[in-house]
Full PDB file with SEQRES, HELIX, SHEET, SSBOND, CRYST1, ORIGX, SCALE, CONECT and MASTER records, all heavy atoms in Angstrom:
SEQRES   1 A   38  VAL GLY GLN GLY ALA TRP LEU ASP ASN ASN GLY ASN VAL          
SEQRES   2 A   38  THR GLU LEU ASN ILE SER GLU ARG ALA ILE ALA ASN PRO          
SEQRES   3 A   38  PRO VAL VAL VAL GLY SER ARG SER HIS ILE SER PRO              
SHEET    1 AA1 2 ALA A   5  ASN A   9  0                                        
SHEET    2 AA1 2 ASN A  12  LEU A  16 -1                                        
CRYST1    1.000    1.000    1.000  90.00  90.00  90.00 P 1           1          
ORIGX1      1.000000  0.000000  0.000000        0.00000                         
ORIGX2      0.000000  1.000000  0.000000        0.00000                         
ORIGX3      0.000000  0.000000  1.000000        0.00000                         
SCALE1      1.000000  0.000000  0.000000        0.00000                         
SCALE2      0.000000  1.000000  0.000000        0.00000                         
SCALE3      0.000000  0.000000  1.000000        0.00000                         
ATOM      1  N   VAL A   1      84.220  85.136 111.883  1.00  0.00           N  
ATOM      2  CA  VAL A   1      84.586  84.727 113.299  1.00  0.00           C  
ATOM      3  C   VAL A   1      85.389  83.426 113.168  1.00  0.00           C  
ATOM      4  O   VAL A   1      84.966  82.457 112.490  1.00  0.00           O  
ATOM      5  CB  VAL A   1      83.413  84.578 114.232  1.00  0.00           C  
ATOM      6  CG1 VAL A   1      83.930  83.963 115.593  1.00  0.00           C  
ATOM      7  CG2 VAL A   1      82.764  85.897 114.450  1.00  0.00           C  
ATOM      8  N   GLY A   2      86.609  83.381 113.643  1.00  0.00           N  
ATOM      9  CA  GLY A   2      87.450  82.247 113.562  1.00  0.00           C  
ATOM     10  C   GLY A   2      88.395  82.341 112.294  1.00  0.00           C  
ATOM     11  O   GLY A   2      89.368  81.394 112.236  1.00  0.00           O  
ATOM     12  N   GLN A   3      88.220  83.198 111.437  1.00  0.00           N  
ATOM     13  CA  GLN A   3      89.059  83.293 110.218  1.00  0.00           C  
ATOM     14  C   GLN A   3      89.845  84.618 110.168  1.00  0.00           C  
ATOM     15  O   GLN A   3      90.908  84.676 109.635  1.00  0.00           O  
ATOM     16  CB  GLN A   3      88.262  83.082 109.003  1.00  0.00           C  
ATOM     17  CG  GLN A   3      87.527  81.778 108.876  1.00  0.00           C  
ATOM     18  CD  GLN A   3      86.875  81.593 107.533  1.00  0.00           C  
ATOM     19  OE1 GLN A   3      87.362  81.996 106.508  1.00  0.00           O  
ATOM     20  NE2 GLN A   3      85.723  80.930 107.582  1.00  0.00           N  
ATOM     21  N   GLY A   4      89.258  85.729 110.709  1.00  0.00           N  
ATOM     22  CA  GLY A   4      89.941  86.959 110.669  1.00  0.00           C  
ATOM     23  C   GLY A   4      89.052  88.158 110.350  1.00  0.00           C  
ATOM     24  O   GLY A   4      87.951  87.935 109.966  1.00  0.00           O  
ATOM     25  N   ALA A   5      89.629  89.355 110.487  1.00  0.00           N  
ATOM     26  CA  ALA A   5      88.892  90.580 110.251  1.00  0.00           C  
ATOM     27  C   ALA A   5      89.806  91.531 109.520  1.00  0.00           C  
ATOM     28  O   ALA A   5      90.989  91.545 109.604  1.00  0.00           O  
ATOM     29  CB  ALA A   5      88.520  91.206 111.581  1.00  0.00           C  
ATOM     30  N   TRP A   6      89.165  92.477 108.674  1.00  0.00           N  
ATOM     31  CA  TRP A   6      89.860  93.248 107.800  1.00  0.00           C  
ATOM     32  C   TRP A   6      89.257  94.631 107.674  1.00  0.00           C  
ATOM     33  O   TRP A   6      88.124  94.753 107.872  1.00  0.00           O  
ATOM     34  CB  TRP A   6      90.116  92.706 106.373  1.00  0.00           C  
ATOM     35  CG  TRP A   6      90.700  91.410 106.395  1.00  0.00           C  
ATOM     36  CD1 TRP A   6      92.043  91.135 106.278  1.00  0.00           C  
ATOM     37  CD2 TRP A   6      90.041  90.022 106.571  1.00  0.00           C  
ATOM     38  NE1 TRP A   6      92.249  89.846 106.390  1.00  0.00           N  
ATOM     39  CE2 TRP A   6      91.054  89.118 106.577  1.00  0.00           C  
ATOM     40  CE3 TRP A   6      88.817  89.679 106.735  1.00  0.00           C  
ATOM     41  CZ2 TRP A   6      90.867  87.730 106.703  1.00  0.00           C  
ATOM     42  CZ3 TRP A   6      88.476  88.323 106.985  1.00  0.00           C  
ATOM     43  CH2 TRP A   6      89.483  87.352 106.920  1.00  0.00           C  
ATOM     44  N   LEU A   7      90.105  95.602 107.396  1.00  0.00           N  
ATOM     45  CA  LEU A   7      89.611  96.981 107.100  1.00  0.00           C  
ATOM     46  C   LEU A   7      90.143  97.419 105.740  1.00  0.00           C  
ATOM     47  O   LEU A   7      91.334  97.320 105.482  1.00  0.00           O  
ATOM     48  CB  LEU A   7      90.190  97.984 108.137  1.00  0.00           C  
ATOM     49  CG  LEU A   7      90.045  99.416 107.828  1.00  0.00           C  
ATOM     50  CD1 LEU A   7      88.518  99.875 107.635  1.00  0.00           C  
ATOM     51  CD2 LEU A   7      90.679 100.332 108.861  1.00  0.00           C  
ATOM     52  N   ASP A   8      89.197  97.781 104.848  1.00  0.00           N  
ATOM     53  CA  ASP A   8      89.532  98.312 103.566  1.00  0.00           C  
ATOM     54  C   ASP A   8      89.255  99.800 103.644  1.00  0.00           C  
ATOM     55  O   ASP A   8      88.156 100.267 103.716  1.00  0.00           O  
ATOM     56  CB  ASP A   8      88.556  97.643 102.525  1.00  0.00           C  
ATOM     57  CG  ASP A   8      88.788  98.192 101.183  1.00  0.00           C  
ATOM     58  OD1 ASP A   8      89.443  99.304 100.997  1.00  0.00           O  
ATOM     59  OD2 ASP A   8      88.247  97.610 100.137  1.00  0.00           O  
ATOM     60  N   ASN A   9      90.405 100.497 103.722  1.00  0.00           N  
ATOM     61  CA  ASN A   9      90.348 101.993 103.952  1.00  0.00           C  
ATOM     62  C   ASN A   9      90.795 102.682 102.583  1.00  0.00           C  
ATOM     63  O   ASN A   9      91.924 102.764 102.262  1.00  0.00           O  
ATOM     64  CB  ASN A   9      91.268 102.366 105.076  1.00  0.00           C  
ATOM     65  CG  ASN A   9      91.155 103.875 105.297  1.00  0.00           C  
ATOM     66  OD1 ASN A   9      90.516 104.641 104.655  1.00  0.00           O  
ATOM     67  ND2 ASN A   9      91.918 104.385 106.355  1.00  0.00           N  
ATOM     68  N   ASN A  10      89.751 102.941 101.829  1.00  0.00           N  
ATOM     69  CA  ASN A  10      89.938 103.513 100.447  1.00  0.00           C  
ATOM     70  C   ASN A  10      90.871 102.631  99.603  1.00  0.00           C  
ATOM     71  O   ASN A  10      91.776 103.210  99.021  1.00  0.00           O  
ATOM     72  CB  ASN A  10      90.544 104.980 100.596  1.00  0.00           C  
ATOM     73  CG  ASN A  10      89.489 105.965 101.061  1.00  0.00           C  
ATOM     74  OD1 ASN A  10      88.708 106.465 100.338  1.00  0.00           O  
ATOM     75  ND2 ASN A  10      89.464 106.151 102.441  1.00  0.00           N  
ATOM     76  N   GLY A  11      90.718 101.360  99.642  1.00  0.00           N  
ATOM     77  CA  GLY A  11      91.361 100.447  98.892  1.00  0.00           C  
ATOM     78  C   GLY A  11      92.641  99.894  99.573  1.00  0.00           C  
ATOM     79  O   GLY A  11      93.335  98.913  98.985  1.00  0.00           O  
ATOM     80  N   ASN A  12      93.149 100.386 100.641  1.00  0.00           N  
ATOM     81  CA  ASN A  12      94.260  99.937 101.411  1.00  0.00           C  
ATOM     82  C   ASN A  12      93.754  98.907 102.452  1.00  0.00           C  
ATOM     83  O   ASN A  12      93.086  99.347 103.483  1.00  0.00           O  
ATOM     84  CB  ASN A  12      94.990 101.024 102.020  1.00  0.00           C  
ATOM     85  CG  ASN A  12      96.216 100.606 102.882  1.00  0.00           C  
ATOM     86  OD1 ASN A  12      96.853  99.536 102.505  1.00  0.00           O  
ATOM     87  ND2 ASN A  12      96.521 101.323 103.838  1.00  0.00           N  
ATOM     88  N   VAL A  13      93.919  97.630 102.244  1.00  0.00           N  
ATOM     89  CA  VAL A  13      93.336  96.665 103.095  1.00  0.00           C  
ATOM     90  C   VAL A  13      94.417  96.151 104.193  1.00  0.00           C  
ATOM     91  O   VAL A  13      95.572  95.847 103.833  1.00  0.00           O  
ATOM     92  CB  VAL A  13      92.978  95.341 102.284  1.00  0.00           C  
ATOM     93  CG1 VAL A  13      92.339  94.274 103.193  1.00  0.00           C  
ATOM     94  CG2 VAL A  13      91.955  95.752 101.262  1.00  0.00           C  
ATOM     95  N   THR A  14      93.970  96.174 105.416  1.00  0.00           N  
ATOM     96  CA  THR A  14      94.792  95.728 106.501  1.00  0.00           C  
ATOM     97  C   THR A  14      94.073  94.723 107.437  1.00  0.00           C  
ATOM     98  O   THR A  14      92.824  94.828 107.448  1.00  0.00           O  
ATOM     99  CB  THR A  14      95.351  96.944 107.392  1.00  0.00           C  
ATOM    100  OG1 THR A  14      94.139  97.641 107.895  1.00  0.00           O  
ATOM    101  CG2 THR A  14      96.189  97.858 106.646  1.00  0.00           C  
ATOM    102  N   GLU A  15      94.835  93.856 108.081  1.00  0.00           N  
ATOM    103  CA  GLU A  15      94.120  92.917 108.914  1.00  0.00           C  
ATOM    104  C   GLU A  15      94.005  93.524 110.307  1.00  0.00           C  
ATOM    105  O   GLU A  15      94.713  94.217 110.762  1.00  0.00           O  
ATOM    106  CB  GLU A  15      94.953  91.626 109.102  1.00  0.00           C  
ATOM    107  CG  GLU A  15      94.295  90.547 109.837  1.00  0.00           C  
ATOM    108  CD  GLU A  15      94.959  89.101 109.752  1.00  0.00           C  
ATOM    109  OE1 GLU A  15      95.998  89.049 109.105  1.00  0.00           O  
ATOM    110  OE2 GLU A  15      94.372  88.144 110.363  1.00  0.00           O  
ATOM    111  N   LEU A  16      92.824  93.198 110.972  1.00  0.00           N  
ATOM    112  CA  LEU A  16      92.485  93.713 112.277  1.00  0.00           C  
ATOM    113  C   LEU A  16      92.681  92.647 113.315  1.00  0.00           C  
ATOM    114  O   LEU A  16      92.060  91.460 113.141  1.00  0.00           O  
ATOM    115  CB  LEU A  16      91.082  94.219 112.341  1.00  0.00           C  
ATOM    116  CG  LEU A  16      90.693  95.394 111.398  1.00  0.00           C  
ATOM    117  CD1 LEU A  16      89.231  95.749 111.578  1.00  0.00           C  
ATOM    118  CD2 LEU A  16      91.596  96.622 111.572  1.00  0.00           C  
ATOM    119  N   ASN A  17      93.499  92.795 114.327  1.00  0.00           N  
ATOM    120  CA  ASN A  17      93.760  91.771 115.368  1.00  0.00           C  
ATOM    121  C   ASN A  17      94.032  92.397 116.647  1.00  0.00           C  
ATOM    122  O   ASN A  17      95.219  93.047 116.752  1.00  0.00           O  
ATOM    123  CB  ASN A  17      94.844  90.789 114.934  1.00  0.00           C  
ATOM    124  CG  ASN A  17      95.075  89.690 115.909  1.00  0.00           C  
ATOM    125  OD1 ASN A  17      94.422  89.623 117.029  1.00  0.00           O  
ATOM    126  ND2 ASN A  17      95.643  88.582 115.439  1.00  0.00           N  
ATOM    127  N   ILE A  18      93.100  92.478 117.564  1.00  0.00           N  
ATOM    128  CA  ILE A  18      93.302  93.009 118.879  1.00  0.00           C  
ATOM    129  C   ILE A  18      93.450  91.988 120.038  1.00  0.00           C  
ATOM    130  O   ILE A  18      93.348  92.378 121.168  1.00  0.00           O  
ATOM    131  CB  ILE A  18      92.264  94.085 119.233  1.00  0.00           C  
ATOM    132  CG1 ILE A  18      90.936  93.390 119.207  1.00  0.00           C  
ATOM    133  CG2 ILE A  18      92.224  95.227 118.214  1.00  0.00           C  
ATOM    134  CD1 ILE A  18      89.755  94.222 119.826  1.00  0.00           C  
ATOM    135  N   SER A  19      93.702  90.771 119.559  1.00  0.00           N  
ATOM    136  CA  SER A  19      93.640  89.738 120.623  1.00  0.00           C  
ATOM    137  C   SER A  19      94.729  89.830 121.696  1.00  0.00           C  
ATOM    138  O   SER A  19      94.572  89.373 122.733  1.00  0.00           O  
ATOM    139  CB  SER A  19      93.847  88.310 119.935  1.00  0.00           C  
ATOM    140  OG  SER A  19      95.046  88.248 119.223  1.00  0.00           O  
ATOM    141  N   GLU A  20      95.891  90.492 121.324  1.00  0.00           N  
ATOM    142  CA  GLU A  20      96.905  90.657 122.334  1.00  0.00           C  
ATOM    143  C   GLU A  20      97.118  92.122 122.634  1.00  0.00           C  
ATOM    144  O   GLU A  20      98.106  92.591 123.267  1.00  0.00           O  
ATOM    145  CB  GLU A  20      98.268  90.099 121.803  1.00  0.00           C  
ATOM    146  CG  GLU A  20      98.096  88.664 121.507  1.00  0.00           C  
ATOM    147  CD  GLU A  20      99.517  88.032 121.050  1.00  0.00           C  
ATOM    148  OE1 GLU A  20     100.421  88.812 120.930  1.00  0.00           O  
ATOM    149  OE2 GLU A  20      99.518  86.885 120.670  1.00  0.00           O  
ATOM    150  N   ARG A  21      96.112  93.012 122.409  1.00  0.00           N  
ATOM    151  CA  ARG A  21      96.209  94.395 122.644  1.00  0.00           C  
ATOM    152  C   ARG A  21      96.068  94.737 124.095  1.00  0.00           C  
ATOM    153  O   ARG A  21      95.164  94.268 124.772  1.00  0.00           O  
ATOM    154  CB  ARG A  21      95.208  95.277 121.836  1.00  0.00           C  
ATOM    155  CG  ARG A  21      95.249  96.670 122.098  1.00  0.00           C  
ATOM    156  CD  ARG A  21      94.156  97.435 121.231  1.00  0.00           C  
ATOM    157  NE  ARG A  21      94.287  98.833 121.352  1.00  0.00           N  
ATOM    158  CZ  ARG A  21      93.803  99.639 122.227  1.00  0.00           C  
ATOM    159  NH1 ARG A  21      93.105  99.123 123.248  1.00  0.00           N  
ATOM    160  NH2 ARG A  21      94.009 100.942 122.278  1.00  0.00           N  
ATOM    161  N   ALA A  22      96.953  95.445 124.744  1.00  0.00           N  
ATOM    162  CA  ALA A  22      96.898  95.848 126.045  1.00  0.00           C  
ATOM    163  C   ALA A  22      95.929  97.059 126.228  1.00  0.00           C  
ATOM    164  O   ALA A  22      95.769  97.842 125.324  1.00  0.00           O  
ATOM    165  CB  ALA A  22      98.230  96.235 126.658  1.00  0.00           C  
ATOM    166  N   ILE A  23      95.311  97.113 127.460  1.00  0.00           N  
ATOM    167  CA  ILE A  23      94.451  98.267 127.657  1.00  0.00           C  
ATOM    168  C   ILE A  23      95.279  99.591 127.791  1.00  0.00           C  
ATOM    169  O   ILE A  23      96.348  99.651 128.357  1.00  0.00           O  
ATOM    170  CB  ILE A  23      93.646  98.106 128.946  1.00  0.00           C  
ATOM    171  CG1 ILE A  23      92.789  96.818 128.839  1.00  0.00           C  
ATOM    172  CG2 ILE A  23      92.778  99.313 129.275  1.00  0.00           C  
ATOM    173  CD1 ILE A  23      91.813  96.913 127.729  1.00  0.00           C  
ATOM    174  N   ALA A  24      94.752 100.685 127.147  1.00  0.00           N  
ATOM    175  CA  ALA A  24      95.454 101.933 127.171  1.00  0.00           C  
ATOM    176  C   ALA A  24      95.364 102.507 128.677  1.00  0.00           C  
ATOM    177  O   ALA A  24      94.591 102.126 129.450  1.00  0.00           O  
ATOM    178  CB  ALA A  24      94.799 102.909 126.208  1.00  0.00           C  
ATOM    179  N   ASN A  25      96.345 103.312 128.936  1.00  0.00           N  
ATOM    180  CA  ASN A  25      96.377 104.007 130.233  1.00  0.00           C  
ATOM    181  C   ASN A  25      96.390 105.523 130.157  1.00  0.00           C  
ATOM    182  O   ASN A  25      97.316 106.084 129.716  1.00  0.00           O  
ATOM    183  CB  ASN A  25      97.624 103.593 131.016  1.00  0.00           C  
ATOM    184  CG  ASN A  25      97.634 104.056 132.510  1.00  0.00           C  
ATOM    185  OD1 ASN A  25      96.547 104.499 132.941  1.00  0.00           O  
ATOM    186  ND2 ASN A  25      98.784 104.122 133.055  1.00  0.00           N  
ATOM    187  N   PRO A  26      95.207 106.288 130.376  1.00  0.00           N  
ATOM    188  CA  PRO A  26      93.944 105.683 130.886  1.00  0.00           C  
ATOM    189  C   PRO A  26      93.172 104.979 129.758  1.00  0.00           C  
ATOM    190  O   PRO A  26      93.512 105.201 128.568  1.00  0.00           O  
ATOM    191  CB  PRO A  26      93.230 106.905 131.352  1.00  0.00           C  
ATOM    192  CG  PRO A  26      93.783 108.012 130.449  1.00  0.00           C  
ATOM    193  CD  PRO A  26      95.110 107.750 130.247  1.00  0.00           C  
ATOM    194  N   PRO A  27      92.310 104.066 130.067  1.00  0.00           N  
ATOM    195  CA  PRO A  27      91.532 103.398 128.971  1.00  0.00           C  
ATOM    196  C   PRO A  27      90.726 104.305 128.088  1.00  0.00           C  
ATOM    197  O   PRO A  27      90.232 105.371 128.666  1.00  0.00           O  
ATOM    198  CB  PRO A  27      90.658 102.487 129.775  1.00  0.00           C  
ATOM    199  CG  PRO A  27      90.551 103.008 131.157  1.00  0.00           C  
ATOM    200  CD  PRO A  27      91.829 103.670 131.365  1.00  0.00           C  
ATOM    201  N   VAL A  28      90.477 103.930 126.807  1.00  0.00           N  
ATOM    202  CA  VAL A  28      89.705 104.692 125.907  1.00  0.00           C  
ATOM    203  C   VAL A  28      88.366 104.090 125.763  1.00  0.00           C  
ATOM    204  O   VAL A  28      88.228 102.878 125.382  1.00  0.00           O  
ATOM    205  CB  VAL A  28      90.378 104.791 124.577  1.00  0.00           C  
ATOM    206  CG1 VAL A  28      89.490 105.591 123.598  1.00  0.00           C  
ATOM    207  CG2 VAL A  28      91.786 105.401 124.683  1.00  0.00           C  
ATOM    208  N   VAL A  29      87.292 104.880 126.126  1.00  0.00           N  
ATOM    209  CA  VAL A  29      85.889 104.455 126.036  1.00  0.00           C  
ATOM    210  C   VAL A  29      85.302 105.163 124.842  1.00  0.00           C  
ATOM    211  O   VAL A  29      85.449 106.363 124.642  1.00  0.00           O  
ATOM    212  CB  VAL A  29      85.077 104.722 127.337  1.00  0.00           C  
ATOM    213  CG1 VAL A  29      83.699 104.305 127.269  1.00  0.00           C  
ATOM    214  CG2 VAL A  29      85.847 104.185 128.549  1.00  0.00           C  
ATOM    215  N   VAL A  30      84.519 104.384 124.090  1.00  0.00           N  
ATOM    216  CA  VAL A  30      83.807 105.004 123.028  1.00  0.00           C  
ATOM    217  C   VAL A  30      82.230 104.920 123.220  1.00  0.00           C  
ATOM    218  O   VAL A  30      81.752 103.867 123.841  1.00  0.00           O  
ATOM    219  CB  VAL A  30      84.121 104.370 121.608  1.00  0.00           C  
ATOM    220  CG1 VAL A  30      83.719 102.913 121.575  1.00  0.00           C  
ATOM    221  CG2 VAL A  30      83.462 105.087 120.459  1.00  0.00           C  
ATOM    222  N   GLY A  31      81.562 105.977 122.947  1.00  0.00           N  
ATOM    223  CA  GLY A  31      80.094 105.923 123.258  1.00  0.00           C  
ATOM    224  C   GLY A  31      79.279 106.715 122.251  1.00  0.00           C  
ATOM    225  O   GLY A  31      79.824 107.070 121.199  1.00  0.00           O  
ATOM    226  N   SER A  32      78.085 106.863 122.546  1.00  0.00           N  
ATOM    227  CA  SER A  32      77.018 107.412 121.570  1.00  0.00           C  
ATOM    228  C   SER A  32      77.389 108.882 121.298  1.00  0.00           C  
ATOM    229  O   SER A  32      77.853 109.680 122.096  1.00  0.00           O  
ATOM    230  CB  SER A  32      75.678 107.331 122.202  1.00  0.00           C  
ATOM    231  OG  SER A  32      74.697 108.048 121.383  1.00  0.00           O  
ATOM    232  N   ARG A  33      77.155 109.239 120.020  1.00  0.00           N  
ATOM    233  CA  ARG A  33      77.295 110.657 119.598  1.00  0.00           C  
ATOM    234  C   ARG A  33      76.245 111.462 120.207  1.00  0.00           C  
ATOM    235  O   ARG A  33      76.446 112.677 120.590  1.00  0.00           O  
ATOM    236  CB  ARG A  33      77.222 110.763 118.056  1.00  0.00           C  
ATOM    237  CG  ARG A  33      77.052 112.089 117.468  1.00  0.00           C  
ATOM    238  CD  ARG A  33      78.346 112.970 117.724  1.00  0.00           C  
ATOM    239  NE  ARG A  33      79.448 112.491 116.845  1.00  0.00           N  
ATOM    240  CZ  ARG A  33      80.589 112.985 116.991  1.00  0.00           C  
ATOM    241  NH1 ARG A  33      81.015 113.782 118.062  1.00  0.00           N  
ATOM    242  NH2 ARG A  33      81.645 112.607 116.222  1.00  0.00           N  
ATOM    243  N   SER A  34      74.991 110.936 120.476  1.00  0.00           N  
ATOM    244  CA  SER A  34      73.873 111.740 120.896  1.00  0.00           C  
ATOM    245  C   SER A  34      73.737 111.969 122.324  1.00  0.00           C  
ATOM    246  O   SER A  34      73.394 113.053 122.839  1.00  0.00           O  
ATOM    247  CB  SER A  34      72.659 111.145 120.294  1.00  0.00           C  
ATOM    248  OG  SER A  34      72.500 109.730 120.752  1.00  0.00           O  
ATOM    249  N   HIS A  35      74.078 110.879 123.153  1.00  0.00           N  
ATOM    250  CA  HIS A  35      73.985 111.077 124.625  1.00  0.00           C  
ATOM    251  C   HIS A  35      74.611 109.924 125.332  1.00  0.00           C  
ATOM    252  O   HIS A  35      74.833 108.827 124.849  1.00  0.00           O  
ATOM    253  CB  HIS A  35      72.530 111.086 124.990  1.00  0.00           C  
ATOM    254  CG  HIS A  35      71.750 109.853 124.788  1.00  0.00           C  
ATOM    255  ND1 HIS A  35      71.325 109.339 123.647  1.00  0.00           N  
ATOM    256  CD2 HIS A  35      71.433 108.803 125.758  1.00  0.00           C  
ATOM    257  CE1 HIS A  35      70.732 108.122 123.776  1.00  0.00           C  
ATOM    258  NE2 HIS A  35      70.842 107.828 125.003  1.00  0.00           N  
ATOM    259  N   ILE A  36      74.890 110.135 126.646  1.00  0.00           N  
ATOM    260  CA  ILE A  36      75.435 109.137 127.535  1.00  0.00           C  
ATOM    261  C   ILE A  36      74.254 108.910 128.557  1.00  0.00           C  
ATOM    262  O   ILE A  36      73.799 109.781 129.219  1.00  0.00           O  
ATOM    263  CB  ILE A  36      76.596 109.645 128.288  1.00  0.00           C  
ATOM    264  CG1 ILE A  36      77.780 109.918 127.371  1.00  0.00           C  
ATOM    265  CG2 ILE A  36      76.992 108.553 129.337  1.00  0.00           C  
ATOM    266  CD1 ILE A  36      78.294 108.664 126.601  1.00  0.00           C  
ATOM    267  N   SER A  37      73.807 107.647 128.483  1.00  0.00           N  
ATOM    268  CA  SER A  37      72.590 107.259 129.459  1.00  0.00           C  
ATOM    269  C   SER A  37      73.042 107.284 130.845  1.00  0.00           C  
ATOM    270  O   SER A  37      74.341 107.121 131.167  1.00  0.00           O  
ATOM    271  CB  SER A  37      72.139 105.832 129.049  1.00  0.00           C  
ATOM    272  OG  SER A  37      73.008 104.888 129.409  1.00  0.00           O  
ATOM    273  N   PRO A  38      72.192 107.458 131.848  1.00  0.00           N  
ATOM    274  CA  PRO A  38      72.516 107.294 133.267  1.00  0.00           C  
ATOM    275  C   PRO A  38      73.296 106.029 133.595  1.00  0.00           C  
ATOM    276  O   PRO A  38      74.198 106.062 134.397  1.00  0.00           O  
ATOM    277  CB  PRO A  38      71.181 107.434 133.968  1.00  0.00           C  
ATOM    278  CG  PRO A  38      70.274 108.182 132.994  1.00  0.00           C  
ATOM    279  CD  PRO A  38      70.708 107.726 131.679  1.00  0.00           C  
TER     280      PRO A  38                                                      
MASTER        0    0    0    0    2    0    0    6  279    1    0    3          
END                                                                             
């Protein structure tokens, strides 16, 4: 935190930065594989 984030995808390293990312239209929600609670 405060220094950066990275993804190493099978040896291919990229920086992750969503600080200026706009919300998708419609927005994308991610949730549990097993269930959605009430």
